[in-house]
PDB file of N, CA and C in Angstrom:
ATOM      1  N   MET A   1       6.745   4.347 -19.043  1.00  0.00           N
ATOM      2  CA  MET A   1       6.817   3.220 -17.965  1.00  0.00           C
ATOM      3  C   MET A   1       8.467   3.967 -17.749  1.00  0.00           C
ATOM      4  N   ALA A   2       8.909   5.106 -18.294  1.00  0.00           N
ATOM      5  CA  ALA A   2      10.321   5.336 -18.379  1.00  0.00           C
ATOM      6  C   ALA A   2      10.693   5.566 -16.801  1.00  0.00           C
ATOM      7  N   GLY A   3       9.148   6.003 -15.830  1.00  0.00           N
ATOM      8  CA  GLY A   3       9.763   6.166 -14.966  1.00  0.00           C
ATOM      9  C   GLY A   3       9.723   5.464 -13.890  1.00  0.00           C
ATOM     10  N   ILE A   4       9.579   4.637 -14.271  1.00  0.00           N
ATOM     11  CA  ILE A   4      10.329   2.947 -13.571  1.00  0.00           C
ATOM     12  C   ILE A   4      12.132   3.008 -13.531  1.00  0.00           C
ATOM     13  N   LEU A   5      11.975   3.412 -15.087  1.00  0.00           N
ATOM     14  CA  LEU A   5      13.648   3.240 -14.803  1.00  0.00           C
ATOM     15  C   LEU A   5      14.140   4.388 -14.230  1.00  0.00           C
ATOM     16  N   ASP A   6      13.597   5.267 -13.761  1.00  0.00           N
ATOM     17  CA  ASP A   6      14.213   6.375 -13.372  1.00  0.00           C
ATOM     18  C   ASP A   6      14.658   6.561 -11.805  1.00  0.00           C
ATOM     19  N   GLY A   7      13.200   5.407 -11.215  1.00  0.00           N
ATOM     20  CA  GLY A   7      13.312   5.079 -10.062  1.00  0.00           C
ATOM     21  C   GLY A   7      14.118   3.985  -9.477  1.00  0.00           C
ATOM     22  N   LEU A   8      14.358   3.155 -10.445  1.00  0.00           N
ATOM     23  CA  LEU A   8      15.586   2.469 -10.698  1.00  0.00           C
ATOM     24  C   LEU A   8      16.605   2.732 -10.510  1.00  0.00           C
ATOM     25  N   ASP A   9      17.332   3.954 -11.751  1.00  0.00           N
ATOM     26  CA  ASP A   9      18.248   4.245 -11.523  1.00  0.00           C
ATOM     27  C   ASP A   9      18.984   5.299 -10.063  1.00  0.00           C
ATOM     28  N   ASP A  10      17.589   6.286  -9.315  1.00  0.00           N
ATOM     29  CA  ASP A  10      17.971   6.487  -7.908  1.00  0.00           C
ATOM     30  C   ASP A  10      18.143   5.747  -6.946  1.00  0.00           C
ATOM     31  N   LEU A  11      17.339   3.849  -6.863  1.00  0.00           N
ATOM     32  CA  LEU A  11      17.904   3.233  -6.161  1.00  0.00           C
ATOM     33  C   LEU A  11      18.863   3.042  -6.110  1.00  0.00           C
ATOM     34  N   GLY A  12      19.889   2.895  -7.398  1.00  0.00           N
ATOM     35  CA  GLY A  12      20.657   2.251  -7.412  1.00  0.00           C
ATOM     36  C   GLY A  12      21.897   3.222  -6.787  1.00  0.00           C
ATOM     37  N   ARG A  13      21.825   4.690  -6.977  1.00  0.00           N
ATOM     38  CA  ARG A  13      22.379   5.395  -6.415  1.00  0.00           C
ATOM     39  C   ARG A  13      22.236   5.520  -5.043  1.00  0.00           C
ATOM     40  N   VAL A  14      21.281   5.107  -4.301  1.00  0.00           N
ATOM     41  CA  VAL A  14      20.848   4.958  -3.229  1.00  0.00           C
ATOM     42  C   VAL A  14      21.812   3.839  -2.678  1.00  0.00           C
ATOM     43  N   ALA A  15      21.515   2.896  -3.427  1.00  0.00           N
ATOM     44  CA  ALA A  15      22.557   1.611  -2.662  1.00  0.00           C
ATOM     45  C   ALA A  15      23.547   1.775  -2.679  1.00  0.00           C
ATOM     46  N   HIS A  16      24.490   2.991  -3.616  1.00  0.00           N
ATOM     47  CA  HIS A  16      25.547   2.719  -3.348  1.00  0.00           C
ATOM     48  C   HIS A  16      26.313   3.720  -3.101  1.00  0.00           C
ATOM     49  N   LEU A  17      25.559   4.231  -2.404  1.00  0.00           N
ATOM     50  CA  LEU A  17      26.162   5.415  -1.789  1.00  0.00           C
ATOM     51  C   LEU A  17      27.766   5.154  -0.901  1.00  0.00           C
ATOM     52  N   GLU A  18      28.436   6.149  -0.906  1.00  0.00           N
ATOM     53  CA  GLU A  18      29.851   5.972   0.252  1.00  0.00           C
ATOM     54  C   GLU A  18      29.349   5.949   1.656  1.00  0.00           C
ATOM     55  N   PRO A  19      29.389   4.602   2.057  1.00  0.00           N
ATOM     56  CA  PRO A  19      29.754   4.556   3.551  1.00  0.00           C
ATOM     57  C   PRO A  19      30.038   5.078   4.683  1.00  0.00           C
ATOM     58  N   GLU A  20      31.340   5.834   4.063  1.00  0.00           N
ATOM     59  CA  GLU A  20      32.166   6.447   4.806  1.00  0.00           C
ATOM     60  C   GLU A  20      31.884   7.960   4.874  1.00  0.00           C
ATOM     61  N   THR A  21      30.925   8.684   4.123  1.00  0.00           N
ATOM     62  CA  THR A  21      30.156   9.861   3.815  1.00  0.00           C
ATOM     63  C   THR A  21      28.728   9.826   4.175  1.00  0.00           C
ATOM     64  N   ALA A  22      28.318   8.599   3.761  1.00  0.00           N
ATOM     65  CA  ALA A  22      27.087   9.042   3.628  1.00  0.00           C
ATOM     66  C   ALA A  22      26.220   8.580   5.233  1.00  0.00           C
ATOM     67  N   THR A  23      25.215   9.561   5.054  1.00  0.00           N
ATOM     68  CA  THR A  23      24.671   9.653   6.683  1.00  0.00           C
ATOM     69  C   THR A  23      22.997   8.548   6.865  1.00  0.00           C
ATOM     70  N   ALA A  24      23.073   8.350   7.936  1.00  0.00           N
ATOM     71  CA  ALA A  24      21.463   7.655   7.766  1.00  0.00           C
ATOM     72  C   ALA A  24      19.951   8.867   7.227  1.00  0.00           C
ATOM     73  N   ARG A  25      20.303  10.101   7.623  1.00  0.00           N
ATOM     74  CA  ARG A  25      19.339  10.703   6.654  1.00  0.00           C
ATOM     75  C   ARG A  25      19.547  10.694   5.511  1.00  0.00           C
ATOM     76  N   ASP A  26      20.677  10.062   5.231  1.00  0.00           N
ATOM     77  CA  ASP A  26      20.738  10.625   3.442  1.00  0.00           C
ATOM     78  C   ASP A  26      20.538   9.269   2.941  1.00  0.00           C
ATOM     79  N   LEU A  27      20.428   8.104   3.452  1.00  0.00           N
ATOM     80  CA  LEU A  27      19.884   7.102   2.631  1.00  0.00           C
ATOM     81  C   LEU A  27      18.325   6.746   2.695  1.00  0.00           C
ATOM     82  N   LEU A  28      17.942   7.219   4.245  1.00  0.00           N
ATOM     83  CA  LEU A  28      16.174   8.128   4.047  1.00  0.00           C
ATOM     84  C   LEU A  28      15.938   8.986   3.383  1.00  0.00           C
ATOM     85  N   ASP A  29      16.791   9.726   2.732  1.00  0.00           N
ATOM     86  CA  ASP A  29      15.860  10.897   2.015  1.00  0.00           C
ATOM     87  C   ASP A  29      15.935  10.290   0.741  1.00  0.00           C
ATOM     88  N   GLY A  30      17.500   9.451   0.157  1.00  0.00           N
ATOM     89  CA  GLY A  30      16.777   8.776  -1.405  1.00  0.00           C
ATOM     90  C   GLY A  30      15.927   7.440  -1.102  1.00  0.00           C
ATOM     91  N   VAL A  31      15.598   6.695  -0.375  1.00  0.00           N
ATOM     92  CA  VAL A  31      15.203   5.701  -0.440  1.00  0.00           C
ATOM     93  C   VAL A  31      13.064   6.457  -0.641  1.00  0.00           C
ATOM     94  N   GLU A  32      13.241   7.460   0.229  1.00  0.00           N
ATOM     95  CA  GLU A  32      11.989   8.363  -0.034  1.00  0.00           C
ATOM     96  C   GLU A  32      11.219   8.674  -1.122  1.00  0.00           C
ATOM     97  N   LEU A  33      12.456   9.398  -1.878  1.00  0.00           N
ATOM     98  CA  LEU A  33      12.408   9.835  -3.128  1.00  0.00           C
ATOM     99  C   LEU A  33      12.043   9.203  -4.106  1.00  0.00           C
ATOM    100  N   VAL A  34      12.771   7.781  -4.489  1.00  0.00           N
ATOM    101  CA  VAL A  34      12.658   6.475  -5.003  1.00  0.00           C
ATOM    102  C   VAL A  34      11.031   6.343  -4.894  1.00  0.00           C
ATOM    103  N   GLU A  35      10.683   6.226  -3.601  1.00  0.00           N
ATOM    104  CA  GLU A  35       9.207   5.558  -3.122  1.00  0.00           C
ATOM    105  C   GLU A  35       7.888   6.703  -3.621  1.00  0.00           C
ATOM    106  N   ARG A  36       8.410   7.940  -3.595  1.00  0.00           N
ATOM    107  CA  ARG A  36       7.376   9.144  -4.232  1.00  0.00           C
ATOM    108  C   ARG A  36       7.595   8.989  -6.166  1.00  0.00           C
ATOM    109  N   LYS A  37       8.617   8.864  -6.428  1.00  0.00           N
ATOM    110  CA  LYS A  37       9.080   8.733  -8.055  1.00  0.00           C
ATOM    111  C   LYS A  37       7.820   7.079  -7.966  1.00  0.00           C
ATOM    112  N   LEU A  38       7.856   6.363  -7.642  1.00  0.00           N
ATOM    113  CA  LEU A  38       7.398   4.534  -8.146  1.00  0.00           C
ATOM    114  C   LEU A  38       6.464   5.473  -8.067  1.00  0.00           C
ATOM    115  N   LEU A  39       5.446   5.541  -6.731  1.00  0.00           N
ATOM    116  CA  LEU A  39       4.295   5.586  -6.926  1.00  0.00           C
ATOM    117  C   LEU A  39       3.862   6.523  -7.758  1.00  0.00           C
ATOM    118  N   ARG A  40       3.993   7.709  -8.232  1.00  0.00           N
ATOM    119  CA  ARG A  40       3.782   8.663  -8.998  1.00  0.00           C
ATOM    120  C   ARG A  40       3.346   7.874 -10.326  1.00  0.00           C
ATOM    121  N   VAL A  41       4.695   7.366 -10.701  1.00  0.00           N
ATOM    122  CA  VAL A  41       4.359   6.476 -11.917  1.00  0.00           C
ATOM    123  C   VAL A  41       3.329   5.369 -12.041  1.00  0.00           C
ATOM    124  N   LEU A  42       3.233   4.698 -11.269  1.00  0.00           N
ATOM    125  CA  LEU A  42       2.280   3.421 -11.168  1.00  0.00           C
ATOM    126  C   LEU A  42       0.766   4.407 -10.891  1.00  0.00           C
ATOM    127  N   THR A  43       0.816   5.152  -9.596  1.00  0.00           N
ATOM    128  CA  THR A  43      -0.520   5.719 -10.096  1.00  0.00           C
ATOM    129  C   THR A  43      -1.135   6.165 -11.179  1.00  0.00           C
ATOM    130  N   GLY A  44      -0.152   6.600 -12.033  1.00  0.00           N
ATOM    131  CA  GLY A  44      -0.040   7.785 -13.087  1.00  0.00           C
ATOM    132  C   GLY A  44      -0.619   6.347 -14.248  1.00  0.00           C
ATOM    133  N   ALA A  45       0.096   5.266 -13.949  1.00  0.00           N
ATOM    134  CA  ALA A  45      -0.588   4.060 -14.654  1.00  0.00           C
ATOM    135  C   ALA A  45      -1.603   3.153 -14.438  1.00  0.00           C
ATOM    136  N   GLY A  46      -2.679   3.937 -13.596  1.00  0.00           N
ATOM    137  CA  GLY A  46      -3.147   3.133 -12.816  1.00  0.00           C
ATOM    138  C   GLY A  46      -3.263   2.353 -11.626  1.00  0.00           C
ATOM    139  N   LEU A  47      -2.397   2.618 -11.034  1.00  0.00           N
ATOM    140  CA  LEU A  47      -2.629   1.876  -9.384  1.00  0.00           C
ATOM    141  C   LEU A  47      -2.978   2.426  -8.317  1.00  0.00           C
ATOM    142  N   GLU A  48      -3.705   2.005  -7.466  1.00  0.00           N
ATOM    143  CA  GLU A  48      -4.675   2.606  -6.538  1.00  0.00           C
ATOM    144  C   GLU A  48      -4.508   2.115  -5.096  1.00  0.00           C
ATOM    145  N   ARG A  49      -4.182   3.185  -4.177  1.00  0.00           N
ATOM    146  CA  ARG A  49      -3.650   2.742  -2.904  1.00  0.00           C
ATOM    147  C   ARG A  49      -5.166   2.292  -1.973  1.00  0.00           C
ATOM    148  N   LEU A  50      -4.763   1.254  -1.424  1.00  0.00           N
ATOM    149  CA  LEU A  50      -6.355   1.038  -1.060  1.00  0.00           C
ATOM    150  C   LEU A  50      -5.569   1.487   0.743  1.00  0.00           C
ATOM    151  N   GLY A  51      -6.728   1.792   1.465  1.00  0.00           N
ATOM    152  CA  GLY A  51      -6.785   2.208   2.960  1.00  0.00           C
ATOM    153  C   GLY A  51      -6.268   3.495   3.427  1.00  0.00           C
ATOM    154  N   ALA A  52      -6.930   4.089   4.191  1.00  0.00           N
ATOM    155  CA  ALA A  52      -7.057   5.400   4.739  1.00  0.00           C
ATOM    156  C   ALA A  52      -7.420   4.925   5.811  1.00  0.00           C
ATOM    157  N   GLU A  53      -6.878   5.423   7.328  1.00  0.00           N
ATOM    158  CA  GLU A  53      -8.070   5.975   8.497  1.00  0.00           C
ATOM    159  C   GLU A  53      -9.043   6.781   8.511  1.00  0.00           C
ATOM    160  N   GLY A  54     -10.059   6.225   9.247  1.00  0.00           N
ATOM    161  CA  GLY A  54     -11.298   6.931   9.220  1.00  0.00           C
ATOM    162  C   GLY A  54     -11.984   6.791   7.583  1.00  0.00           C
ATOM    163  N   GLU A  55     -11.843   5.939   6.671  1.00  0.00           N
ATOM    164  CA  GLU A  55     -12.848   5.628   5.485  1.00  0.00           C
ATOM    165  C   GLU A  55     -13.864   4.568   6.567  1.00  0.00           C
ATOM    166  N   PRO A  56     -14.970   3.794   5.351  1.00  0.00           N
ATOM    167  CA  PRO A  56     -15.295   3.000   6.244  1.00  0.00           C
ATOM    168  C   PRO A  56     -14.766   1.688   5.884  1.00  0.00           C
ATOM    169  N   PHE A  57     -15.593   0.954   6.679  1.00  0.00           N
ATOM    170  CA  PHE A  57     -14.599  -0.536   6.208  1.00  0.00           C
ATOM    171  C   PHE A  57     -15.196  -1.178   4.992  1.00  0.00           C
ATOM    172  N   ASP A  58     -14.482  -2.025   4.085  1.00  0.00           N
ATOM    173  CA  ASP A  58     -15.262  -2.289   3.031  1.00  0.00           C
ATOM    174  C   ASP A  58     -14.392  -4.003   2.823  1.00  0.00           C
ATOM    175  N   PRO A  59     -14.966  -4.797   3.192  1.00  0.00           N
ATOM    176  CA  PRO A  59     -14.511  -6.009   2.659  1.00  0.00           C
ATOM    177  C   PRO A  59     -14.173  -6.466   1.774  1.00  0.00           C
ATOM    178  N   HIS A  60     -14.438  -5.317   0.505  1.00  0.00           N
ATOM    179  CA  HIS A  60     -13.671  -6.131  -0.755  1.00  0.00           C
ATOM    180  C   HIS A  60     -12.246  -5.193  -0.936  1.00  0.00           C
ATOM    181  N   ALA A  61     -12.040  -4.332   0.168  1.00  0.00           N
ATOM    182  CA  ALA A  61     -10.883  -3.521  -0.158  1.00  0.00           C
ATOM    183  C   ALA A  61     -10.631  -3.580   0.857  1.00  0.00           C
ATOM    184  N   HIS A  62     -10.366  -4.531   1.994  1.00  0.00           N
ATOM    185  CA  HIS A  62      -9.862  -4.175   3.245  1.00  0.00           C
ATOM    186  C   HIS A  62     -10.236  -5.568   3.621  1.00  0.00           C
ATOM    187  N   GLU A  63      -8.748  -5.943   4.773  1.00  0.00           N
ATOM    188  CA  GLU A  63      -8.258  -7.234   5.668  1.00  0.00           C
ATOM    189  C   GLU A  63      -8.665  -7.055   6.972  1.00  0.00           C
ATOM    190  N   ALA A  64      -9.517  -6.895   7.723  1.00  0.00           N
ATOM    191  CA  ALA A  64      -9.093  -6.531   9.406  1.00  0.00           C
ATOM    192  C   ALA A  64      -8.531  -7.606   9.753  1.00  0.00           C
ATOM    193  N   VAL A  65      -7.670  -7.159  10.519  1.00  0.00           N
ATOM    194  CA  VAL A  65      -6.531  -8.031  11.603  1.00  0.00           C
ATOM    195  C   VAL A  65      -6.554  -7.966  12.870  1.00  0.00           C
ATOM    196  N   SER A  66      -7.062  -6.845  13.088  1.00  0.00           N
ATOM    197  CA  SER A  66      -7.570  -6.321  14.828  1.00  0.00           C
ATOM    198  C   SER A  66      -8.689  -5.160  14.670  1.00  0.00           C
ATOM    199  N   THR A  67      -8.885  -5.127  16.060  1.00  0.00           N
ATOM    200  CA  THR A  67     -10.227  -4.167  16.427  1.00  0.00           C
ATOM    201  C   THR A  67      -9.594  -3.202  16.990  1.00  0.00           C
ATOM    202  N   ALA A  68     -10.368  -2.280  17.425  1.00  0.00           N
ATOM    203  CA  ALA A  68      -9.756  -1.571  18.087  1.00  0.00           C
ATOM    204  C   ALA A  68     -10.937  -0.656  19.144  1.00  0.00           C
ATOM    205  N   PRO A  69     -11.347  -0.255  20.720  1.00  0.00           N
ATOM    206  CA  PRO A  69     -12.635  -0.041  20.927  1.00  0.00           C
ATOM    207  C   PRO A  69     -12.660   1.749  20.022  1.00  0.00           C
ATOM    208  N   ALA A  70     -14.006   2.000  19.307  1.00  0.00           N
ATOM    209  CA  ALA A  70     -14.271   3.257  18.899  1.00  0.00           C
ATOM    210  C   ALA A  70     -14.670   3.811  20.276  1.00  0.00           C
ATOM    211  N   PRO A  71     -13.718   5.160  20.338  1.00  0.00           N
ATOM    212  CA  PRO A  71     -14.244   6.098  20.964  1.00  0.00           C
ATOM    213  C   PRO A  71     -15.946   7.181  20.975  1.00  0.00           C
ATOM    214  N   THR A  72     -15.797   6.877  19.617  1.00  0.00           N
ATOM    215  CA  THR A  72     -17.641   7.540  19.403  1.00  0.00           C
ATOM    216  C   THR A  72     -18.648   6.052  18.784  1.00  0.00           C
ATOM    217  N   ALA A  73     -19.543   6.628  18.571  1.00  0.00           N
ATOM    218  CA  ALA A  73     -20.311   5.428  18.190  1.00  0.00           C
ATOM    219  C   ALA A  73     -20.056   5.900  16.185  1.00  0.00           C
ATOM    220  N   ALA A  74     -20.160   7.086  16.130  1.00  0.00           N
ATOM    221  CA  ALA A  74     -19.690   7.544  15.177  1.00  0.00           C
ATOM    222  C   ALA A  74     -18.526   6.610  14.318  1.00  0.00           C
ATOM    223  N   GLN A  75     -17.469   6.182  14.876  1.00  0.00           N
ATOM    224  CA  GLN A  75     -16.783   6.021  14.398  1.00  0.00           C
ATOM    225  C   GLN A  75     -16.495   4.149  14.152  1.00  0.00           C
ATOM    226  N   ASP A  76     -17.477   3.515  14.761  1.00  0.00           N
ATOM    227  CA  ASP A  76     -18.329   2.294  14.488  1.00  0.00           C
ATOM    228  C   ASP A  76     -17.779   1.747  13.315  1.00  0.00           C
ATOM    229  N   HIS A  77     -17.049   0.717  12.867  1.00  0.00           N
ATOM    230  CA  HIS A  77     -16.690   0.258  11.442  1.00  0.00           C
ATOM    231  C   HIS A  77     -15.987   1.103  10.403  1.00  0.00           C
ATOM    232  N   LEU A  78     -14.960   2.389  11.065  1.00  0.00           N
ATOM    233  CA  LEU A  78     -14.074   3.010  10.178  1.00  0.00           C
ATOM    234  C   LEU A  78     -12.949   2.333  10.740  1.00  0.00           C
ATOM    235  N   VAL A  79     -11.677   2.319   9.484  1.00  0.00           N
ATOM    236  CA  VAL A  79     -10.557   2.278   9.772  1.00  0.00           C
ATOM    237  C   VAL A  79     -10.129   3.142  10.515  1.00  0.00           C
ATOM    238  N   ALA A  80      -9.268   2.171  11.926  1.00  0.00           N
ATOM    239  CA  ALA A  80      -8.753   3.062  12.820  1.00  0.00           C
ATOM    240  C   ALA A  80      -7.175   2.976  12.464  1.00  0.00           C
ATOM    241  N   SER A  81      -6.631   2.266  12.017  1.00  0.00           N
ATOM    242  CA  SER A  81      -5.229   2.171  11.437  1.00  0.00           C
ATOM    243  C   SER A  81      -5.063   1.039  10.367  1.00  0.00           C
ATOM    244  N   VAL A  82      -3.715   1.594   9.627  1.00  0.00           N
ATOM    245  CA  VAL A  82      -3.777   0.867   8.651  1.00  0.00           C
ATOM    246  C   VAL A  82      -2.047  -0.029   8.706  1.00  0.00           C
ATOM    247  N   LEU A  83      -2.193  -1.375   8.532  1.00  0.00           N
ATOM    248  CA  LEU A  83      -0.961  -1.547   9.143  1.00  0.00           C
ATOM    249  C   LEU A  83      -0.126  -1.993   7.461  1.00  0.00           C
ATOM    250  N   GLN A  84      -0.877  -2.123   6.310  1.00  0.00           N
ATOM    251  CA  GLN A  84      -0.142  -2.445   5.778  1.00  0.00           C
ATOM    252  C   GLN A  84      -1.043  -1.986   4.327  1.00  0.00           C
ATOM    253  N   PRO A  85      -0.880  -1.063   3.649  1.00  0.00           N
ATOM    254  CA  PRO A  85      -1.698  -0.969   2.224  1.00  0.00           C
ATOM    255  C   PRO A  85      -2.152  -2.213   1.723  1.00  0.00           C
ATOM    256  N   GLY A  86      -2.986  -1.711   0.242  1.00  0.00           N
ATOM    257  CA  GLY A  86      -3.803  -2.486  -0.311  1.00  0.00           C
ATOM    258  C   GLY A  86      -3.537  -1.843  -1.455  1.00  0.00           C
ATOM    259  N   TYR A  87      -3.629  -2.482  -2.514  1.00  0.00           N
ATOM    260  CA  TYR A  87      -3.452  -2.149  -3.979  1.00  0.00           C
ATOM    261  C   TYR A  87      -4.831  -2.749  -5.134  1.00  0.00           C
ATOM    262  N   ARG A  88      -5.000  -1.540  -5.803  1.00  0.00           N
ATOM    263  CA  ARG A  88      -6.112  -2.463  -6.532  1.00  0.00           C
ATOM    264  C   ARG A  88      -5.518  -1.692  -8.284  1.00  0.00           C
ATOM    265  N   PHE A  89      -5.248  -2.357  -8.988  1.00  0.00           N
ATOM    266  CA  PHE A  89      -4.875  -2.092 -10.826  1.00  0.00           C
ATOM    267  C   PHE A  89      -6.082  -2.259 -11.753  1.00  0.00           C
ATOM    268  N   GLY A  90      -6.386  -0.981 -12.403  1.00  0.00           N
ATOM    269  CA  GLY A  90      -7.234  -1.590 -13.007  1.00  0.00           C
ATOM    270  C   GLY A  90      -8.388  -2.135 -12.794  1.00  0.00           C
ATOM    271  N   GLY A  91      -8.705  -2.146 -11.825  1.00  0.00           N
ATOM    272  CA  GLY A  91     -10.391  -2.593 -10.900  1.00  0.00           C
ATOM    273  C   GLY A  91      -9.868  -3.907 -10.514  1.00  0.00           C
ATOM    274  N   ALA A  92      -8.445  -4.474 -10.770  1.00  0.00           N
ATOM    275  CA  ALA A  92      -8.557  -5.808 -10.148  1.00  0.00           C
ATOM    276  C   ALA A  92      -7.679  -5.814  -8.943  1.00  0.00           C
ATOM    277  N   LEU A  93      -8.325  -6.431  -8.088  1.00  0.00           N
ATOM    278  CA  LEU A  93      -7.697  -6.114  -6.585  1.00  0.00           C
ATOM    279  C   LEU A  93      -6.283  -6.854  -6.323  1.00  0.00           C
ATOM    280  N   LEU A  94      -4.839  -5.923  -6.207  1.00  0.00           N
ATOM    281  CA  LEU A  94      -4.009  -6.926  -6.203  1.00  0.00           C
ATOM    282  C   LEU A  94      -3.486  -7.154  -4.697  1.00  0.00           C
ATOM    283  N   ARG A  95      -4.195  -6.714  -3.704  1.00  0.00           N
ATOM    284  CA  ARG A  95      -4.178  -7.393  -2.136  1.00  0.00           C
ATOM    285  C   ARG A  95      -5.169  -6.230  -1.571  1.00  0.00           C
ATOM    286  N   PRO A  96      -5.426  -6.649  -0.586  1.00  0.00           N
ATOM    287  CA  PRO A  96      -6.246  -5.721   0.179  1.00  0.00           C
ATOM    288  C   PRO A  96      -5.779  -5.347   1.094  1.00  0.00           C
ATOM    289  N   ALA A  97      -5.972  -4.005   1.547  1.00  0.00           N
ATOM    290  CA  ALA A  97      -5.204  -3.143   2.969  1.00  0.00           C
ATOM    291  C   ALA A  97      -5.655  -4.044   3.870  1.00  0.00           C
ATOM    292  N   ARG A  98      -4.866  -3.748   4.805  1.00  0.00           N
ATOM    293  CA  ARG A  98      -4.752  -4.549   6.402  1.00  0.00           C
ATOM    294  C   ARG A  98      -4.699  -3.688   7.465  1.00  0.00           C
ATOM    295  N   VAL A  99      -5.978  -3.836   8.050  1.00  0.00           N
ATOM    296  CA  VAL A  99      -6.335  -2.740   8.533  1.00  0.00           C
ATOM    297  C   VAL A  99      -7.042  -3.076  10.076  1.00  0.00           C
ATOM    298  N   SER A 100      -6.654  -1.875  10.905  1.00  0.00           N
ATOM    299  CA  SER A 100      -7.609  -2.342  12.518  1.00  0.00           C
ATOM    300  C   SER A 100      -8.861  -1.419  12.324  1.00  0.00           C
ATOM    301  N   VAL A 101      -9.773  -2.056  12.791  1.00  0.00           N
ATOM    302  CA  VAL A 101     -11.320  -1.860  12.276  1.00  0.00           C
ATOM    303  C   VAL A 101     -11.670  -0.838  13.853  1.00  0.00           C
ATOM    304  N   TYR A 102     -12.218   0.532  13.967  1.00  0.00           N
ATOM    305  CA  TYR A 102     -12.801   0.255  15.220  1.00  0.00           C
ATOM    306  C   TYR A 102     -14.327  -0.522  15.428  1.00  0.00           C
ATOM    307  N   VAL A 103     -14.753  -0.281  16.373  1.00  0.00           N
ATOM    308  CA  VAL A 103     -15.682  -1.435  17.287  1.00  0.00           C
ATOM    309  C   VAL A 103     -16.558  -0.672  17.577  1.00  0.00           C
ATOM    310  N   TRP A 104     -17.770  -0.277  17.984  1.00  0.00           N
ATOM    311  CA  TRP A 104     -18.216   0.562  18.959  1.00  0.00           C
ATOM    312  C   TRP A 104     -19.176  -0.333  19.744  1.00  0.00           C
ATOM    313  N   ARG A 105     -18.809  -0.375  21.496  1.00  0.00           N
ATOM    314  CA  ARG A 105     -19.620  -1.133  22.084  1.00  0.00           C
ATOM    315  C   ARG A 105     -19.909   0.020  23.333  1.00  0.00           C
ATOM    316  N   GLU A 106     -21.680  -0.482  23.542  1.00  0.00           N
ATOM    317  CA  GLU A 106     -22.565   0.784  24.288  1.00  0.00           C
ATOM    318  C   GLU A 106     -21.514   0.559  25.682  1.00  0.00           C
ATOM    319  N   PRO A 107     -21.107   1.341  26.216  1.00  0.00           N
ATOM    320  CA  PRO A 107     -20.876   2.106  27.763  1.00  0.00           C
ATOM    321  C   PRO A 107     -21.631   0.902  28.848  1.00  0.00           C
ATOM    322  N   PRO A 108     -21.017   0.415  29.879  1.00  0.00           N
ATOM    323  CA  PRO A 108     -22.448  -0.891  30.457  1.00  0.00           C
ATOM    324  C   PRO A 108     -22.898   0.228  31.451  1.00  0.00           C
ATOM    325  N   ALA A 109     -24.356   0.291  31.806  1.00  0.00           N
ATOM    326  CA  ALA A 109     -25.337   0.888  32.363  1.00  0.00           C
ATOM    327  C   ALA A 109     -24.642   1.045  33.616  1.00  0.00           C
ATOM    328  N   THR A 110     -24.960   2.458  34.229  1.00  0.00           N
ATOM    329  CA  THR A 110     -24.389   2.555  35.709  1.00  0.00           C
ATOM    330  C   THR A 110     -26.077   2.682  36.628  1.00  0.00           C
ATOM    331  N   ASP A 111     -25.836   1.410  37.192  1.00  0.00           N
ATOM    332  CA  ASP A 111     -26.955   1.115  38.578  1.00  0.00           C
ATOM    333  C   ASP A 111     -26.836   2.777  39.258  1.00  0.00           C
ATOM    334  N   ALA A 112     -28.421   3.333  39.765  1.00  0.00           N
ATOM    335  CA  ALA A 112     -28.425   4.318  40.246  1.00  0.00           C
ATOM    336  C   ALA A 112     -27.959   3.689  41.686  1.00  0.00           C
ATOM    337  N   PRO A 113     -27.780   4.936  42.037  1.00  0.00           N
ATOM    338  CA  PRO A 113     -27.093   4.420  43.720  1.00  0.00           C
ATOM    339  C   PRO A 113     -28.255   3.493  44.508  1.00  0.00           C
ATOM    340  N   ALA A 114     -27.944   2.745  45.497  1.00  0.00           N
ATOM    341  CA  ALA A 114     -28.753   1.887  46.120  1.00  0.00           C
ATOM    342  C   ALA A 114     -29.513   3.102  47.208  1.00  0.00           C
ATOM    343  N   SER A 115     -30.159   2.981  47.460  1.00  0.00           N
ATOM    344  CA  SER A 115     -30.790   3.895  48.921  1.00  0.00           C
ATOM    345  C   SER A 115     -31.473   3.093  50.197  1.00  0.00           C
ATOM    346  N   GLY A 116     -31.372   3.509  50.413  1.00  0.00           N
ATOM    347  CA  GLY A 116     -31.478   2.826  51.872  1.00  0.00           C
ATOM    348  C   GLY A 116     -31.112   2.573  53.408  1.00  0.00           C
ATOM    349  N   SER A 117     -31.245   2.094  54.503  1.00  0.00           N
ATOM    350  CA  SER A 117     -30.873   2.182  55.395  1.00  0.00           C
ATOM    351  C   SER A 117     -29.318   2.069  55.549  1.00  0.00           C
TER     352      SER A 117
END
């Protein structure tokens, strides 16, 4: 778990950037570095991130918070977008991924044009 301490050190450096000389890019780069380090350490310790666009909706790992029209029937019940990732640790669900799910609806039948006078 020493990697967590490295991430904490990095976060401290980002939090104490000199406001007069630091740019928004410096801040963003620092936060992204910390996120990558912490995820790498936690993943190595058994943390699993849940929720990816295009995967099948799983009510044991996902919480559907909205639906979106599926562009094709093959995309029915697939994850359309991830609003908040979920996490599992050592097989135990810590938090389900909050997702939007594609729902296929058959297009309405079009009637043949009426013939007649």
